[in-house]
Amino acid sequence: MDRLEAMTVLLAAVESGSLSKASRELRLPLATVSRKVAELEAHLKATLLIRSAKGLELTPAGRSYVTSAKSILEQLSEAERMASGEYSEPKGDLVVTAPIMFGRMHVLPIVTRFLEAFPEVSVGLVLTDRIAHFLEDQVDVALRLGPLPDSNLIATRVGEVRHVICASPDYLAASGIPVTLADLEMHRLVSFQSVSALSTWTFERDGAEKTVSFRSRLSVNTIDAAIDAALAGAGLVRAVSYQIAGHVRAGRLAVVLEAFEPQLRPVHLVYDTQSRLPLKLRAFVDFVVPRLRERVAQARL
């Protein structure tokens, strides 16, 4: 029995929550995954996992073993990185995730410059508005907008953005400029959270939140389409400041109801904490942070 392989299979099963998921992640037949765990339990003469309707549960012996196995595998990975020269020059693969529009507008241009500066590093850039999990999605670095939950991750703040309401000057000239939240009842509103006629926007005034419910005259499923609708004069749209900064500066859109905007949303570059960062990750963070701060600052309204 290859104990290191068996440890890897066990950790994959525990972290994914089931043998079948571990099978897919490791690209091994389910029977092989089940056999590896069974062989490890037989070798240890202890039950590590309990299969239940809720999934896999660790026994007390299993919890103790998994903690030790994880430490052993991390030390092995550390030794392999040092032996391969990963700590002498940046090389290897990185997986980076960012929100779709922010990633396309601001992260992708920096990543292409990073690749030119570090030819031995490859980057997989995953653009998604879903919150990616570092362990499950095998992410090295994430760009996050908004408050961060408490965690062991390292977060470097690179700026902040605003949630704004905007419309085309032609629309505002024809329909009037809203001054209070009650004025929204007299306006056409475009939503993009979901393709549904019923939507809500949350505002803030003097530290108190106010939620406004409305029926959209137009609802779309992407922010790009919502902004296009606003540019065409379809009505008021809520967007994040970086998404429409260029249009505002060019006079194609105007921001309204600024007194009711929610608090600024922070922008962070987040990565997992380790005793010693691989050089490829340290090089990426050092390269990206100042350039990202500059781009976020330039996108302010």
C-alpha atoms as a PDB file:
ATOM      1  CA  MET A   1       0.000   0.000   0.000  1.00  0.00           C
ATOM      2  CA  ASP A   2       1.234   3.457  -0.936  1.00  0.00           C
ATOM      3  CA  ARG A   3       0.516   5.316   2.300  1.00  0.00           C
ATOM      4  CA  LEU A   4       1.082   8.793   0.856  1.00  0.00           C
ATOM      5  CA  GLU A   5      -1.399   8.069  -1.917  1.00  0.00           C
ATOM      6  CA  ALA A   6      -3.856   6.662   0.619  1.00  0.00           C
ATOM      7  CA  MET A   7      -3.478   9.819   2.741  1.00  0.00           C
ATOM      8  CA  THR A   8      -4.166  11.967  -0.319  1.00  0.00           C
ATOM      9  CA  VAL A   9      -7.300   9.979  -1.128  1.00  0.00           C
ATOM     10  CA  LEU A  10      -8.517  10.165   2.466  1.00  0.00           C
ATOM     11  CA  LEU A  11      -8.012  13.949   2.644  1.00  0.00           C
ATOM     12  CA  ALA A  12      -9.790  14.412  -0.682  1.00  0.00           C
ATOM     13  CA  ALA A  13     -12.748  12.398   0.613  1.00  0.00           C
ATOM     14  CA  VAL A  14     -12.897  14.345   3.875  1.00  0.00           C
ATOM     15  CA  GLU A  15     -12.546  17.758   2.227  1.00  0.00           C
ATOM     16  CA  SER A  16     -15.095  17.040  -0.519  1.00  0.00           C
ATOM     17  CA  GLY A  17     -17.521  15.291   1.824  1.00  0.00           C
ATOM     18  CA  SER A  18     -17.984  12.079  -0.147  1.00  0.00           C
ATOM     19  CA  LEU A  19     -16.068   9.289  -1.832  1.00  0.00           C
ATOM     20  CA  SER A  20     -17.762   9.977  -5.164  1.00  0.00           C
ATOM     21  CA  LYS A  21     -16.679  13.627  -5.169  1.00  0.00           C
ATOM     22  CA  ALA A  22     -13.161  12.604  -4.230  1.00  0.00           C
ATOM     23  CA  SER A  23     -13.256  10.142  -7.112  1.00  0.00           C
ATOM     24  CA  ARG A  24     -14.118  12.924  -9.560  1.00  0.00           C
ATOM     25  CA  GLU A  25     -11.543  15.352  -8.137  1.00  0.00           C
ATOM     26  CA  LEU A  26      -8.750  12.776  -8.198  1.00  0.00           C
ATOM     27  CA  ARG A  27      -9.911  11.263 -11.497  1.00  0.00           C
ATOM     28  CA  LEU A  28      -9.868   7.799 -10.005  1.00  0.00           C
ATOM     29  CA  PRO A  29     -12.553   5.121 -10.185  1.00  0.00           C
ATOM     30  CA  LEU A  30     -14.886   5.191  -7.193  1.00  0.00           C
ATOM     31  CA  ALA A  31     -13.965   1.575  -6.428  1.00  0.00           C
ATOM     32  CA  THR A  32     -10.285   2.569  -6.230  1.00  0.00           C
ATOM     33  CA  VAL A  33     -11.020   5.445  -3.856  1.00  0.00           C
ATOM     34  CA  SER A  34     -13.111   3.199  -1.612  1.00  0.00           C
ATOM     35  CA  ARG A  35     -10.422   0.504  -1.671  1.00  0.00           C
ATOM     36  CA  LYS A  36      -7.632   2.960  -0.764  1.00  0.00           C
ATOM     37  CA  VAL A  37      -9.558   4.182   2.287  1.00  0.00           C
ATOM     38  CA  ALA A  38     -10.392   0.629   3.323  1.00  0.00           C
ATOM     39  CA  GLU A  39      -6.737  -0.436   2.970  1.00  0.00           C
ATOM     40  CA  LEU A  40      -5.621   2.497   5.106  1.00  0.00           C
ATOM     41  CA  GLU A  41      -8.152   1.636   7.804  1.00  0.00           C
ATOM     42  CA  ALA A  42      -7.031  -2.006   7.717  1.00  0.00           C
ATOM     43  CA  HIS A  43      -3.396  -0.954   7.998  1.00  0.00           C
ATOM     44  CA  LEU A  44      -4.145   1.280  10.972  1.00  0.00           C
ATOM     45  CA  LYS A  45      -6.587  -1.226  12.479  1.00  0.00           C
ATOM     46  CA  ALA A  46      -8.957   1.687  13.088  1.00  0.00           C
ATOM     47  CA  THR A  47     -12.141   3.082  11.598  1.00  0.00           C
ATOM     48  CA  LEU A  48     -11.489   6.557  10.200  1.00  0.00           C
ATOM     49  CA  LEU A  49     -14.731   7.368   8.404  1.00  0.00           C
ATOM     50  CA  ILE A  50     -18.393   6.720   9.071  1.00  0.00           C
ATOM     51  CA  ARG A  51     -20.700   6.770   6.055  1.00  0.00           C
ATOM     52  CA  SER A  52     -24.044   8.347   6.946  1.00  0.00           C
ATOM     53  CA  ALA A  53     -26.998   9.940   5.192  1.00  0.00           C
ATOM     54  CA  LYS A  54     -25.336  13.323   5.789  1.00  0.00           C
ATOM     55  CA  GLY A  55     -22.124  12.233   4.079  1.00  0.00           C
ATOM     56  CA  LEU A  56     -18.790  11.257   5.584  1.00  0.00           C
ATOM     57  CA  GLU A  57     -18.060  11.820   9.253  1.00  0.00           C
ATOM     58  CA  LEU A  58     -14.680  11.393  10.926  1.00  0.00           C
ATOM     59  CA  THR A  59     -14.291   9.213  13.978  1.00  0.00           C
ATOM     60  CA  PRO A  60     -12.104  10.540  16.817  1.00  0.00           C
ATOM     61  CA  ALA A  61      -9.260   8.406  15.456  1.00  0.00           C
ATOM     62  CA  GLY A  62     -10.010   9.742  11.996  1.00  0.00           C
ATOM     63  CA  ARG A  63      -9.831  13.373  13.129  1.00  0.00           C
ATOM     64  CA  SER A  64      -6.451  12.796  14.761  1.00  0.00           C
ATOM     65  CA  TYR A  65      -5.095  10.964  11.731  1.00  0.00           C
ATOM     66  CA  VAL A  66      -6.345  13.505   9.214  1.00  0.00           C
ATOM     67  CA  THR A  67      -4.664  16.344  11.123  1.00  0.00           C
ATOM     68  CA  SER A  68      -1.344  14.493  11.094  1.00  0.00           C
ATOM     69  CA  ALA A  69      -1.716  13.361   7.474  1.00  0.00           C
ATOM     70  CA  LYS A  70      -2.432  16.892   6.313  1.00  0.00           C
ATOM     71  CA  SER A  71       0.702  18.154   8.067  1.00  0.00           C
ATOM     72  CA  ILE A  72       2.800  15.388   6.508  1.00  0.00           C
ATOM     73  CA  LEU A  73       1.549  16.089   2.993  1.00  0.00           C
ATOM     74  CA  GLU A  74       2.082  19.843   3.399  1.00  0.00           C
ATOM     75  CA  GLN A  75       5.669  19.255   4.519  1.00  0.00           C
ATOM     76  CA  LEU A  76       6.206  16.960   1.549  1.00  0.00           C
ATOM     77  CA  SER A  77       4.863  19.592  -0.853  1.00  0.00           C
ATOM     78  CA  GLU A  78       7.123  22.172   0.765  1.00  0.00           C
ATOM     79  CA  ALA A  79      10.168  19.937   0.284  1.00  0.00           C
ATOM     80  CA  GLU A  80       9.270  19.285  -3.350  1.00  0.00           C
ATOM     81  CA  ARG A  81       8.850  23.007  -4.065  1.00  0.00           C
ATOM     82  CA  MET A  82      12.256  23.749  -2.589  1.00  0.00           C
ATOM     83  CA  ALA A  83      13.891  20.888  -4.489  1.00  0.00           C
ATOM     84  CA  SER A  84      12.336  21.967  -7.795  1.00  0.00           C
ATOM     85  CA  GLY A  85      13.687  25.485  -7.432  1.00  0.00           C
ATOM     86  CA  GLU A  86      10.329  27.133  -6.873  1.00  0.00           C
ATOM     87  CA  TYR A  87      11.891  29.189  -4.098  1.00  0.00           C
ATOM     88  CA  SER A  88      14.842  30.314  -6.210  1.00  0.00           C
ATOM     89  CA  GLU A  89      12.870  31.677  -9.154  1.00  0.00           C
ATOM     90  CA  PRO A  90       9.158  32.216  -9.808  1.00  0.00           C
ATOM     91  CA  LYS A  91       7.792  29.294 -11.787  1.00  0.00           C
ATOM     92  CA  GLY A  92       4.769  27.034 -11.818  1.00  0.00           C
ATOM     93  CA  ASP A  93       1.007  27.451 -12.097  1.00  0.00           C
ATOM     94  CA  LEU A  94      -1.318  29.885 -10.336  1.00  0.00           C
ATOM     95  CA  VAL A  95      -5.117  29.892 -10.272  1.00  0.00           C
ATOM     96  CA  VAL A  96      -6.597  33.382  -9.878  1.00  0.00           C
ATOM     97  CA  THR A  97     -10.288  34.222  -9.573  1.00  0.00           C
ATOM     98  CA  ALA A  98     -12.107  37.558  -9.864  1.00  0.00           C
ATOM     99  CA  PRO A  99     -15.628  38.888 -10.514  1.00  0.00           C
ATOM    100  CA  ILE A 100     -16.424  38.714 -14.224  1.00  0.00           C
ATOM    101  CA  MET A 101     -16.545  42.401 -15.173  1.00  0.00           C
ATOM    102  CA  PHE A 102     -13.879  43.570 -12.731  1.00  0.00           C
ATOM    103  CA  GLY A 103     -11.626  40.747 -13.844  1.00  0.00           C
ATOM    104  CA  ARG A 104     -12.034  41.552 -17.513  1.00  0.00           C
ATOM    105  CA  MET A 105     -11.546  45.298 -17.036  1.00  0.00           C
ATOM    106  CA  HIS A 106      -8.784  45.394 -14.426  1.00  0.00           C
ATOM    107  CA  VAL A 107      -7.284  42.011 -13.536  1.00  0.00           C
ATOM    108  CA  LEU A 108      -6.742  40.591 -17.013  1.00  0.00           C
ATOM    109  CA  PRO A 109      -4.591  43.535 -18.256  1.00  0.00           C
ATOM    110  CA  ILE A 110      -2.336  43.195 -15.201  1.00  0.00           C
ATOM    111  CA  VAL A 111      -2.095  39.418 -15.544  1.00  0.00           C
ATOM    112  CA  THR A 112      -0.923  39.718 -19.158  1.00  0.00           C
ATOM    113  CA  ARG A 113       1.840  42.098 -18.041  1.00  0.00           C
ATOM    114  CA  PHE A 114       2.762  39.732 -15.216  1.00  0.00           C
ATOM    115  CA  LEU A 115       3.161  36.854 -17.676  1.00  0.00           C
ATOM    116  CA  GLU A 116       5.519  38.965 -19.759  1.00  0.00           C
ATOM    117  CA  ALA A 117       7.632  39.729 -16.683  1.00  0.00           C
ATOM    118  CA  PHE A 118       7.656  36.125 -15.390  1.00  0.00           C
ATOM    119  CA  PRO A 119       7.837  33.717 -18.342  1.00  0.00           C
ATOM    120  CA  GLU A 120       8.123  30.618 -16.122  1.00  0.00           C
ATOM    121  CA  VAL A 121       4.726  31.199 -14.442  1.00  0.00           C
ATOM    122  CA  SER A 122       1.377  30.225 -15.961  1.00  0.00           C
ATOM    123  CA  VAL A 123      -1.918  31.715 -14.744  1.00  0.00           C
ATOM    124  CA  GLY A 124      -5.388  30.245 -14.905  1.00  0.00           C
ATOM    125  CA  LEU A 125      -7.762  33.218 -14.604  1.00  0.00           C
ATOM    126  CA  VAL A 126     -11.268  32.185 -13.559  1.00  0.00           C
ATOM    127  CA  LEU A 127     -13.816  34.979 -13.988  1.00  0.00           C
ATOM    128  CA  THR A 128     -16.952  34.261 -11.986  1.00  0.00           C
ATOM    129  CA  ASP A 129     -19.367  36.187  -9.799  1.00  0.00           C
ATOM    130  CA  ARG A 130     -19.634  33.123  -7.571  1.00  0.00           C
ATOM    131  CA  ILE A 131     -17.448  33.144  -4.450  1.00  0.00           C
ATOM    132  CA  ALA A 132     -14.760  30.551  -5.146  1.00  0.00           C
ATOM    133  CA  HIS A 133     -13.467  28.424  -2.278  1.00  0.00           C
ATOM    134  CA  PHE A 134      -9.706  28.167  -2.002  1.00  0.00           C
ATOM    135  CA  LEU A 135      -9.581  24.483  -1.120  1.00  0.00           C
ATOM    136  CA  GLU A 136     -12.477  23.122  -3.145  1.00  0.00           C
ATOM    137  CA  ASP A 137     -11.718  25.166  -6.278  1.00  0.00           C
ATOM    138  CA  GLN A 138      -7.927  24.964  -5.860  1.00  0.00           C
ATOM    139  CA  VAL A 139      -7.592  28.747  -5.972  1.00  0.00           C
ATOM    140  CA  ASP A 140      -4.313  30.493  -5.129  1.00  0.00           C
ATOM    141  CA  VAL A 141      -5.417  34.146  -5.277  1.00  0.00           C
ATOM    142  CA  ALA A 142      -8.856  35.776  -5.291  1.00  0.00           C
ATOM    143  CA  LEU A 143     -10.020  39.310  -5.951  1.00  0.00           C
ATOM    144  CA  ARG A 144     -12.957  40.053  -3.626  1.00  0.00           C
ATOM    145  CA  LEU A 145     -15.332  43.021  -3.590  1.00  0.00           C
ATOM    146  CA  GLY A 146     -17.137  43.777  -0.349  1.00  0.00           C
ATOM    147  CA  PRO A 147     -16.596  43.013   3.351  1.00  0.00           C
ATOM    148  CA  LEU A 148     -14.634  39.847   4.086  1.00  0.00           C
ATOM    149  CA  PRO A 149     -15.631  37.204   6.638  1.00  0.00           C
ATOM    150  CA  ASP A 150     -13.169  36.334   9.361  1.00  0.00           C
ATOM    151  CA  SER A 151     -10.781  33.643   8.155  1.00  0.00           C
ATOM    152  CA  ASN A 152      -7.157  32.564   8.107  1.00  0.00           C
ATOM    153  CA  LEU A 153      -6.714  34.068   4.648  1.00  0.00           C
ATOM    154  CA  ILE A 154      -4.392  37.010   4.056  1.00  0.00           C
ATOM    155  CA  ALA A 155      -6.187  40.036   2.602  1.00  0.00           C
ATOM    156  CA  THR A 156      -4.466  43.062   1.072  1.00  0.00           C
ATOM    157  CA  ARG A 157      -6.738  46.047   0.480  1.00  0.00           C
ATOM    158  CA  VAL A 158      -6.300  47.650  -2.932  1.00  0.00           C
ATOM    159  CA  GLY A 159      -9.084  50.248  -2.845  1.00  0.00           C
ATOM    160  CA  GLU A 160     -12.817  50.688  -2.613  1.00  0.00           C
ATOM    161  CA  VAL A 161     -15.796  51.082  -4.934  1.00  0.00           C
ATOM    162  CA  ARG A 162     -19.241  52.685  -4.764  1.00  0.00           C
ATOM    163  CA  HIS A 163     -22.727  51.359  -5.475  1.00  0.00           C
ATOM    164  CA  VAL A 164     -24.363  54.074  -7.555  1.00  0.00           C
ATOM    165  CA  ILE A 165     -27.606  54.837  -9.375  1.00  0.00           C
ATOM    166  CA  CYS A 166     -27.181  56.287 -12.832  1.00  0.00           C
ATOM    167  CA  ALA A 167     -29.033  57.070 -16.047  1.00  0.00           C
ATOM    168  CA  SER A 168     -28.405  58.762 -19.373  1.00  0.00           C
ATOM    169  CA  PRO A 169     -28.613  62.584 -19.475  1.00  0.00           C
ATOM    170  CA  ASP A 170     -31.361  62.305 -22.112  1.00  0.00           C
ATOM    171  CA  TYR A 171     -33.482  60.117 -19.843  1.00  0.00           C
ATOM    172  CA  LEU A 172     -33.015  62.474 -16.876  1.00  0.00           C
ATOM    173  CA  ALA A 173     -33.861  65.490 -19.028  1.00  0.00           C
ATOM    174  CA  ALA A 174     -37.119  63.840 -20.093  1.00  0.00           C
ATOM    175  CA  SER A 175     -38.111  62.201 -16.781  1.00  0.00           C
ATOM    176  CA  GLY A 176     -36.543  64.477 -14.180  1.00  0.00           C
ATOM    177  CA  ILE A 177     -33.735  63.934 -11.676  1.00  0.00           C
ATOM    178  CA  PRO A 178     -34.742  61.915  -8.577  1.00  0.00           C
ATOM    179  CA  VAL A 179     -33.845  63.679  -5.338  1.00  0.00           C
ATOM    180  CA  THR A 180     -35.497  61.400  -2.754  1.00  0.00           C
ATOM    181  CA  LEU A 181     -36.140  57.671  -2.654  1.00  0.00           C
ATOM    182  CA  ALA A 182     -39.859  58.370  -3.040  1.00  0.00           C
ATOM    183  CA  ASP A 183     -39.087  59.860  -6.456  1.00  0.00           C
ATOM    184  CA  LEU A 184     -38.138  56.384  -7.700  1.00  0.00           C
ATOM    185  CA  GLU A 185     -41.848  55.565  -8.025  1.00  0.00           C
ATOM    186  CA  MET A 186     -42.019  57.999 -10.958  1.00  0.00           C
ATOM    187  CA  HIS A 187     -39.093  56.469 -12.844  1.00  0.00           C
ATOM    188  CA  ARG A 188     -38.368  53.474 -15.020  1.00  0.00           C
ATOM    189  CA  LEU A 189     -35.904  51.163 -13.269  1.00  0.00           C
ATOM    190  CA  VAL A 190     -33.726  48.524 -14.894  1.00  0.00           C
ATOM    191  CA  SER A 191     -32.628  45.523 -12.800  1.00  0.00           C
ATOM    192  CA  PHE A 192     -30.138  42.772 -13.503  1.00  0.00           C
ATOM    193  CA  GLN A 193     -29.973  40.610 -10.380  1.00  0.00           C
ATOM    194  CA  SER A 194     -32.430  38.183 -11.938  1.00  0.00           C
ATOM    195  CA  VAL A 195     -34.775  38.153 -14.900  1.00  0.00           C
ATOM    196  CA  SER A 196     -37.809  39.019 -12.833  1.00  0.00           C
ATOM    197  CA  ALA A 197     -40.168  41.966 -12.655  1.00  0.00           C
ATOM    198  CA  LEU A 198     -39.800  42.253  -8.852  1.00  0.00           C
ATOM    199  CA  SER A 199     -36.515  43.638  -7.504  1.00  0.00           C
ATOM    200  CA  THR A 200     -35.114  45.552  -4.519  1.00  0.00           C
ATOM    201  CA  TRP A 201     -32.383  48.149  -4.061  1.00  0.00           C
ATOM    202  CA  THR A 202     -30.827  48.915  -0.675  1.00  0.00           C
ATOM    203  CA  PHE A 203     -29.838  52.475   0.230  1.00  0.00           C
ATOM    204  CA  GLU A 204     -28.345  54.121   3.303  1.00  0.00           C
ATOM    205  CA  ARG A 205     -28.886  57.455   5.004  1.00  0.00           C
ATOM    206  CA  ASP A 206     -27.472  58.568   8.364  1.00  0.00           C
ATOM    207  CA  GLY A 207     -26.313  55.018   9.108  1.00  0.00           C
ATOM    208  CA  ALA A 208     -29.747  53.481   8.560  1.00  0.00           C
ATOM    209  CA  GLU A 209     -30.531  51.143   5.688  1.00  0.00           C
ATOM    210  CA  LYS A 210     -33.607  51.552   3.531  1.00  0.00           C
ATOM    211  CA  THR A 211     -34.781  48.898   1.081  1.00  0.00           C
ATOM    212  CA  VAL A 212     -36.889  49.959  -1.875  1.00  0.00           C
ATOM    213  CA  SER A 213     -38.929  47.326  -3.710  1.00  0.00           C
ATOM    214  CA  PHE A 214     -40.013  47.979  -7.271  1.00  0.00           C
ATOM    215  CA  ARG A 215     -41.269  46.345 -10.432  1.00  0.00           C
ATOM    216  CA  SER A 216     -38.775  46.609 -13.264  1.00  0.00           C
ATOM    217  CA  ARG A 217     -39.924  47.773 -16.647  1.00  0.00           C
ATOM    218  CA  LEU A 218     -36.867  45.917 -17.903  1.00  0.00           C
ATOM    219  CA  SER A 219     -34.866  43.168 -16.199  1.00  0.00           C
ATOM    220  CA  VAL A 220     -31.773  41.549 -17.656  1.00  0.00           C
ATOM    221  CA  ASN A 221     -29.379  38.922 -16.359  1.00  0.00           C
ATOM    222  CA  THR A 222     -26.018  40.714 -16.756  1.00  0.00           C
ATOM    223  CA  ILE A 223     -24.709  44.094 -15.643  1.00  0.00           C
ATOM    224  CA  ASP A 224     -23.305  44.701 -19.129  1.00  0.00           C
ATOM    225  CA  ALA A 225     -26.803  44.544 -20.589  1.00  0.00           C
ATOM    226  CA  ALA A 226     -28.199  46.741 -17.815  1.00  0.00           C
ATOM    227  CA  ILE A 227     -25.575  49.421 -18.517  1.00  0.00           C
ATOM    228  CA  ASP A 228     -26.300  49.221 -22.235  1.00  0.00           C
ATOM    229  CA  ALA A 229     -29.979  49.749 -21.437  1.00  0.00           C
ATOM    230  CA  ALA A 230     -29.147  52.816 -19.338  1.00  0.00           C
ATOM    231  CA  LEU A 231     -26.996  54.227 -22.151  1.00  0.00           C
ATOM    232  CA  ALA A 232     -29.974  53.754 -24.483  1.00  0.00           C
ATOM    233  CA  GLY A 233     -32.222  55.752 -22.129  1.00  0.00           C
ATOM    234  CA  ALA A 234     -34.218  52.827 -20.730  1.00  0.00           C
ATOM    235  CA  GLY A 235     -34.159  54.182 -17.169  1.00  0.00           C
ATOM    236  CA  LEU A 236     -32.228  54.168 -13.903  1.00  0.00           C
ATOM    237  CA  VAL A 237     -29.668  51.432 -13.269  1.00  0.00           C
ATOM    238  CA  ARG A 238     -27.682  50.443 -10.183  1.00  0.00           C
ATOM    239  CA  ALA A 239     -24.043  49.650 -10.886  1.00  0.00           C
ATOM    240  CA  VAL A 240     -20.678  49.517  -9.160  1.00  0.00           C
ATOM    241  CA  SER A 241     -18.650  52.673  -9.782  1.00  0.00           C
ATOM    242  CA  TYR A 242     -15.806  51.043 -11.734  1.00  0.00           C
ATOM    243  CA  GLN A 243     -18.333  49.579 -14.175  1.00  0.00           C
ATOM    244  CA  ILE A 244     -19.595  52.955 -15.378  1.00  0.00           C
ATOM    245  CA  ALA A 245     -16.747  55.379 -14.540  1.00  0.00           C
ATOM    246  CA  GLY A 246     -15.740  55.771 -18.194  1.00  0.00           C
ATOM    247  CA  HIS A 247     -19.311  56.501 -19.270  1.00  0.00           C
ATOM    248  CA  VAL A 248     -19.740  59.088 -16.496  1.00  0.00           C
ATOM    249  CA  ARG A 249     -16.524  60.878 -17.419  1.00  0.00           C
ATOM    250  CA  ALA A 250     -17.584  60.914 -21.074  1.00  0.00           C
ATOM    251  CA  GLY A 251     -20.999  62.368 -20.180  1.00  0.00           C
ATOM    252  CA  ARG A 252     -22.927  59.321 -21.390  1.00  0.00           C
ATOM    253  CA  LEU A 253     -24.250  58.547 -17.878  1.00  0.00           C
ATOM    254  CA  ALA A 254     -24.941  60.702 -14.812  1.00  0.00           C
ATOM    255  CA  VAL A 255     -25.002  59.590 -11.166  1.00  0.00           C
ATOM    256  CA  VAL A 256     -28.045  60.459  -9.038  1.00  0.00           C
ATOM    257  CA  LEU A 257     -29.176  59.939  -5.423  1.00  0.00           C
ATOM    258  CA  GLU A 258     -25.572  60.119  -4.172  1.00  0.00           C
ATOM    259  CA  ALA A 259     -26.767  61.075  -0.673  1.00  0.00           C
ATOM    260  CA  PHE A 260     -28.387  57.634  -0.330  1.00  0.00           C
ATOM    261  CA  GLU A 261     -25.470  55.462  -1.454  1.00  0.00           C
ATOM    262  CA  PRO A 262     -24.445  52.533   0.775  1.00  0.00           C
ATOM    263  CA  GLN A 263     -21.030  52.600   2.400  1.00  0.00           C
ATOM    264  CA  LEU A 264     -17.986  52.139   0.207  1.00  0.00           C
ATOM    265  CA  ARG A 265     -17.222  48.486  -0.586  1.00  0.00           C
ATOM    266  CA  PRO A 266     -13.590  47.456  -0.052  1.00  0.00           C
ATOM    267  CA  VAL A 267     -11.603  45.635  -2.721  1.00  0.00           C
ATOM    268  CA  HIS A 268      -9.111  43.028  -1.509  1.00  0.00           C
ATOM    269  CA  LEU A 269      -6.585  40.676  -2.999  1.00  0.00           C
ATOM    270  CA  VAL A 270      -6.883  37.508  -0.927  1.00  0.00           C
ATOM    271  CA  TYR A 271      -4.614  34.482  -0.699  1.00  0.00           C
ATOM    272  CA  ASP A 272      -4.109  31.563   1.646  1.00  0.00           C
ATOM    273  CA  THR A 273      -1.673  31.825   4.522  1.00  0.00           C
ATOM    274  CA  GLN A 274       1.351  29.568   4.599  1.00  0.00           C
ATOM    275  CA  SER A 275       4.528  29.443   6.653  1.00  0.00           C
ATOM    276  CA  ARG A 276       6.482  30.274   3.519  1.00  0.00           C
ATOM    277  CA  LEU A 277       4.838  31.556   0.348  1.00  0.00           C
ATOM    278  CA  PRO A 278       5.936  29.989  -2.937  1.00  0.00           C
ATOM    279  CA  LEU A 279       7.939  32.536  -4.885  1.00  0.00           C
ATOM    280  CA  LYS A 280       5.441  32.466  -7.759  1.00  0.00           C
ATOM    281  CA  LEU A 281       2.675  33.622  -5.391  1.00  0.00           C
ATOM    282  CA  ARG A 282       4.828  36.259  -3.704  1.00  0.00           C
ATOM    283  CA  ALA A 283       5.913  37.567  -7.115  1.00  0.00           C
ATOM    284  CA  PHE A 284       2.285  37.719  -8.253  1.00  0.00           C
ATOM    285  CA  VAL A 285       1.095  39.589  -5.156  1.00  0.00           C
ATOM    286  CA  ASP A 286       3.999  42.056  -5.267  1.00  0.00           C
ATOM    287  CA  PHE A 287       3.415  42.689  -8.983  1.00  0.00           C
ATOM    288  CA  VAL A 288      -0.373  42.962  -8.903  1.00  0.00           C
ATOM    289  CA  VAL A 289      -1.092  44.969  -5.739  1.00  0.00           C
ATOM    290  CA  PRO A 290       0.427  48.363  -6.723  1.00  0.00           C
ATOM    291  CA  ARG A 291      -0.949  48.141 -10.272  1.00  0.00           C
ATOM    292  CA  LEU A 292      -4.385  47.144  -9.056  1.00  0.00           C
ATOM    293  CA  ARG A 293      -4.408  50.010  -6.545  1.00  0.00           C
ATOM    294  CA  GLU A 294      -3.603  52.401  -9.363  1.00  0.00           C
ATOM    295  CA  ARG A 295      -6.374  51.050 -11.612  1.00  0.00           C
ATOM    296  CA  VAL A 296      -8.987  51.105  -8.825  1.00  0.00           C
ATOM    297  CA  ALA A 297      -8.029  54.678  -7.940  1.00  0.00           C
ATOM    298  CA  GLN A 298      -8.325  55.731 -11.591  1.00  0.00           C
ATOM    299  CA  ALA A 299     -11.827  54.185 -11.749  1.00  0.00           C
ATOM    300  CA  ARG A 300     -13.151  56.338  -8.890  1.00  0.00           C
ATOM    301  CA  LEU A 301     -16.032  58.708  -9.485  1.00  0.00           C
END
